[in-house]
Every structure is written in structure tokens, then in C-alpha cells.
Protein backbone atom coordinates (compact mmCIF):
# COMPACT_ATOMS: atom_id res chain seq x y z
CA UNK A 1 -0.09 -0.32 -0.11
CA UNK A 2 2.86 2.44 0.85
CA UNK A 3 4.30 1.67 -2.56
CA UNK A 4 1.19 2.84 -4.38
CA UNK A 5 1.19 5.54 -2.71
CA UNK A 6 4.78 6.40 -3.01
CA UNK A 7 4.41 5.64 -6.94
CA UNK A 8 2.14 8.58 -7.46
CA UNK A 9 -1.12 5.68 -8.25
CA UNK A 10 -3.38 6.85 -5.57
CA UNK A 11 -3.60 10.15 -8.22
CA UNK A 12 -4.30 7.94 -10.89
CA UNK A 13 -8.03 6.91 -9.66
CA UNK A 14 -8.85 4.23 -12.58
CA UNK A 15 -5.10 3.33 -11.86
CA UNK A 16 -5.84 2.47 -8.58
CA UNK A 17 -8.81 1.13 -9.60
CA UNK A 18 -6.80 -1.47 -12.01
CA UNK A 19 -3.95 -2.29 -9.41
CA UNK A 20 -7.36 -3.23 -7.02
CA UNK A 21 -8.71 -4.91 -9.06
CA UNK A 22 -5.94 -6.95 -10.84
CA UNK A 23 -4.55 -7.52 -6.64
CA UNK A 24 -7.97 -9.07 -5.68
CA UNK A 25 -8.18 -11.37 -8.68
CA UNK A 26 -4.62 -12.56 -8.27
CA UNK A 27 -5.30 -13.46 -4.07
CA UNK A 28 -8.55 -15.35 -5.77
CA UNK A 29 -6.37 -17.11 -7.90
CA UNK A 30 -4.76 -18.12 -4.86
CA UNK A 31 -7.76 -18.77 -2.84
CA UNK A 32 -8.22 -21.32 -5.30
CA UNK A 33 -5.73 -22.88 -5.10
CA UNK A 34 -4.81 -23.49 -1.50
CA UNK A 35 -7.76 -21.48 0.22
CA UNK A 36 -7.05 -20.60 4.25
CA UNK A 37 -8.78 -21.39 6.90
CA UNK A 38 -9.91 -17.74 9.07
CA UNK A 39 -8.49 -14.08 8.62
CA UNK A 40 -5.72 -13.65 6.01
CA UNK A 41 -4.26 -10.50 5.17
CA UNK A 42 -5.87 -9.71 1.68
CA UNK A 43 -9.48 -10.08 3.02
CA UNK A 44 -8.41 -7.38 5.44
CA UNK A 45 -6.32 -5.68 2.34
CA UNK A 46 -8.78 -5.12 -0.72
CA UNK A 47 -11.73 -3.99 1.59
CA UNK A 48 -9.09 -0.77 2.11
CA UNK A 49 -8.36 -0.43 -1.26
CA UNK A 50 -11.43 -0.86 -2.81
CA UNK A 51 -12.43 1.73 0.08
CA UNK A 52 -9.52 4.56 -1.13
CA UNK A 53 -10.57 3.01 -4.89
CA UNK A 54 -14.77 4.62 -4.33
CA UNK A 55 -13.07 7.47 -2.26
CA UNK A 56 -11.12 8.66 -5.47
CA UNK A 57 -13.97 7.91 -7.91
CA UNK A 58 -17.06 8.99 -5.41
CA UNK A 59 -17.34 11.67 -8.09
CA UNK A 60 -18.25 8.99 -10.72
CA UNK A 61 -20.09 6.44 -8.30
CA UNK A 62 -23.80 5.86 -8.00
CA UNK A 63 -24.61 6.81 -3.95
CA UNK A 64 -27.75 4.52 -4.33
CA UNK A 65 -30.21 2.00 -2.35
CA UNK A 66 -30.28 -0.43 -4.86
CA UNK A 67 -26.75 -0.46 -5.03
CA UNK A 68 -26.48 -0.68 -1.23
CA UNK A 69 -28.47 -3.91 -1.79
CA UNK A 70 -27.14 -6.21 -5.17
CA UNK A 71 -23.40 -5.38 -3.31
CA UNK A 72 -24.69 -6.40 0.24
CA UNK A 73 -26.41 -9.71 -1.27
CA UNK A 74 -23.33 -10.12 -2.87
CA UNK A 75 -20.87 -9.48 0.31
CA UNK A 76 -22.74 -12.21 1.98
CA UNK A 77 -23.32 -15.11 -0.71
CA UNK A 78 -19.76 -14.83 -1.88
CA UNK A 79 -18.66 -14.98 1.91
CA UNK A 80 -19.76 -18.20 1.88
CA UNK A 81 -17.14 -20.03 -0.64
CA UNK A 82 -14.60 -19.07 0.89
CA UNK A 83 -12.50 -20.51 -2.94
CA UNK A 84 -13.64 -17.21 -4.58
CA UNK A 85 -14.36 -15.05 -1.30
CA UNK A 86 -11.63 -12.33 -1.86
CA UNK A 87 -13.82 -11.81 -4.71
CA UNK A 88 -16.41 -9.95 -2.41
CA UNK A 89 -14.15 -7.20 -0.95
CA UNK A 90 -15.68 -4.40 -3.61
CA UNK A 91 -19.10 -5.54 -3.04
CA UNK A 92 -17.75 -4.48 1.01
CA UNK A 93 -16.26 -1.89 0.72
CA UNK A 94 -19.45 0.20 -1.79
CA UNK A 95 -21.58 -1.19 1.27
CA UNK A 96 -19.68 -0.27 4.20
CA UNK A 97 -19.18 3.42 2.62
CA UNK A 98 -23.44 2.80 2.25
CA UNK A 99 -23.47 2.64 5.30
CA UNK A 100 -20.80 5.14 6.48
CA UNK A 101 -22.70 7.93 4.30
CA UNK A 102 -25.60 7.97 6.43
CA UNK A 103 -26.85 10.50 8.04
CA UNK A 104 -29.52 9.27 10.45
CA UNK A 105 -31.54 11.04 13.00
CA UNK A 106 -29.39 10.79 16.04
CA UNK A 107 -32.00 8.75 18.96
CA UNK A 108 -31.53 10.01 21.71
CA UNK A 109 -29.79 8.27 23.68
CA UNK A 110 -26.48 9.75 21.58
CA UNK A 111 -28.03 12.91 20.90
CA UNK A 112 -25.43 15.96 21.83
CA UNK A 113 -22.48 12.79 22.52
CA UNK A 114 -19.88 10.71 20.82
CA UNK A 115 -19.39 7.28 22.57
CA UNK A 116 -17.48 5.84 19.24
CA UNK A 117 -13.94 6.64 20.59
CA UNK A 118 -14.65 5.29 24.46
CA UNK A 119 -16.27 1.79 22.44
CA UNK A 120 -12.83 1.54 20.07
CA UNK A 121 -11.05 2.20 22.75
CA UNK A 122 -12.53 -0.17 25.75
CA UNK A 123 -13.90 -2.87 23.18
CA UNK A 124 -11.36 -5.24 22.44
CA UNK A 125 -9.85 -5.42 26.38
CA UNK A 126 -13.58 -6.01 27.55
CA UNK A 127 -14.25 -8.70 25.41
CA UNK A 128 -11.14 -10.21 26.43
CA UNK A 129 -12.08 -9.69 29.72
CA UNK A 130 -15.47 -11.46 28.99
CA UNK A 131 -13.60 -13.93 27.36
CA UNK A 132 -10.80 -15.01 29.48
CA UNK A 133 -13.56 -14.45 33.40
CA UNK A 134 -17.28 -14.44 32.68
CA UNK A 135 -19.78 -17.38 32.37
CA UNK A 136 -19.74 -18.33 28.83
CA UNK A 137 -17.82 -15.16 27.24
CA UNK A 138 -16.16 -18.02 24.64
CA UNK A 139 -19.47 -18.43 23.18
CA UNK A 140 -19.26 -15.44 20.31
CA UNK A 141 -22.79 -14.04 20.52
CA UNK A 142 -22.55 -14.07 24.52
CA UNK A 143 -19.17 -12.41 24.32
CA UNK A 144 -20.48 -10.05 21.71
CA UNK A 145 -23.38 -8.53 24.15
CA UNK A 146 -21.26 -8.69 26.78
CA UNK A 147 -18.97 -6.68 24.27
CA UNK A 148 -21.97 -3.45 23.79
CA UNK A 149 -22.98 -3.38 26.54
CA UNK A 150 -19.70 -3.11 28.86
CA UNK A 151 -17.63 -0.78 26.46
CA UNK A 152 -20.55 0.88 25.48
CA UNK A 153 -20.67 2.22 29.83
CA UNK A 154 -17.10 2.56 29.88
CA UNK A 155 -17.50 4.53 26.88
CA UNK A 156 -20.64 6.92 28.11
CA UNK A 157 -19.20 7.08 31.83
CA UNK A 158 -15.73 8.77 29.28
CA UNK A 159 -17.74 10.35 27.71
CA UNK A 160 -19.43 12.27 29.83
CA UNK A 161 -16.54 12.47 32.45
CA UNK A 162 -13.20 12.59 30.29
CA UNK A 163 -14.16 13.34 26.71
CA UNK A 164 -16.77 16.21 26.74
CA UNK A 165 -14.94 18.25 29.83
CA UNK A 166 -11.59 18.33 27.61
CA UNK A 167 -13.71 19.21 24.87
CA UNK A 168 -15.08 22.19 26.34
CA UNK A 169 -11.45 23.39 27.35
CA UNK A 170 -10.35 22.93 23.95
CA UNK A 171 -11.21 26.37 23.02
CA UNK A 172 -9.61 28.29 25.71
CA UNK A 173 -5.93 25.24 25.54
CA UNK A 174 -4.79 26.08 21.85
CA UNK A 175 -4.22 29.87 21.99
CA UNK A 176 -1.71 28.90 25.23
CA UNK A 177 -0.78 26.31 23.42
CA UNK A 178 0.54 27.92 20.25
CA UNK A 179 2.10 31.09 22.60
CA UNK A 180 4.28 28.09 23.97
CA UNK A 181 5.25 26.59 20.98
CA UNK A 182 6.51 30.21 19.64
CA UNK A 183 8.03 30.98 22.94
CA UNK A 184 10.18 27.47 22.21
CA UNK A 185 10.84 28.26 18.52
CA UNK A 186 12.17 31.24 19.02
CA UNK A 187 13.68 30.90 22.71
CA UNK A 188 15.61 27.59 21.36
CA UNK A 189 15.26 27.32 18.34
CA UNK A 190 13.08 24.27 17.56
CA UNK A 191 9.92 23.04 15.95
């Protein structure tokens, strides 16, 4: 990925998309001869590459519910065929992009709050703790339930008592920080 960026391929949307398609076909051909069990690197990198391609082609691709339904259906369908599962990458990317670009009205529970960072930070350790310590924590569905409830509660507390207060003081702190950086630069020739 870094090599593609350094080579300037990301500045040429059609070329980047072609590279993503060739990578997908190469991974699919490899998968046909030696299917992997579990998640491989290609299954993680390819949807990312197609997400970048969708971003680069954003002015040409339609934002369409029927296309979303088709992409989601193909994603789920191809998921069950391990040998050709790499072919799901563009459909997974379109489905995720479509859902990510929806702007639904916020429900009362999350109105005026941003729990995303807290959930991001706390979900993995809480799921691991549930896996090790709680009855039924090794069963995937219960583990997800434990993870959602516990990380959601921690994210709420984090937002309410830490993040929100820090963000409220950001406007007052940033000018002082800028003055301090300028003082460092003048005094020590830093930065």
C-alpha cells in the first residue's frame, strides 16, 4: 500500500482501481489453489483498497440503495464460498461506504454525545476479559453482548466525565499552546 502511495498511483483513480482489481483477482486465483481458513491479510487489505478506490471515484459512483442491496447480497453470498471469497472485497467496501455515508437522525441515547472513541478503545479489552472471566464468554454471541454493553457503559462514562470536559476547554487551551510553541521556537530554535 505504501509503495502505491509513493509511486503516485493514488493520484490516478483509474490506475488505483485497476491495481485493486488485479490484486483481488490474484488473491482469488491463489485462494482457488490453496484456500486459507481464518482471516488472511488479503481479506483485510482488499476491502480497504476498494474503499480507497471508491473514495477516489466518489464523483463517478452512484450513491444508490438498490446498489447497496445488491452489494450486500453479493458480499454475504460470496462470503460462504471460501475459494472465491476475495471477490467480495468491492461489494463489502461499497456496502460499508453506503452505510457510513448515511446520516440517520440520532436517537435520544446518543444525541449530543460521541461514544465512538470510547467504544473503540474499550471494546477489545472488555471482550477479552469476558472471554477469560465470564460464564459463556467463549460463546461468540454472548461475548459480543458482553462487549457491547460493557464498552458502551465505559464509553458513556468516558464521554460524560472526561472527553466532553476536555473538548469544552479546547478553545481556551489551543491559543495558550500556540503561544508556548512559539516561545519554544524563538527561545531554542525548535520546531
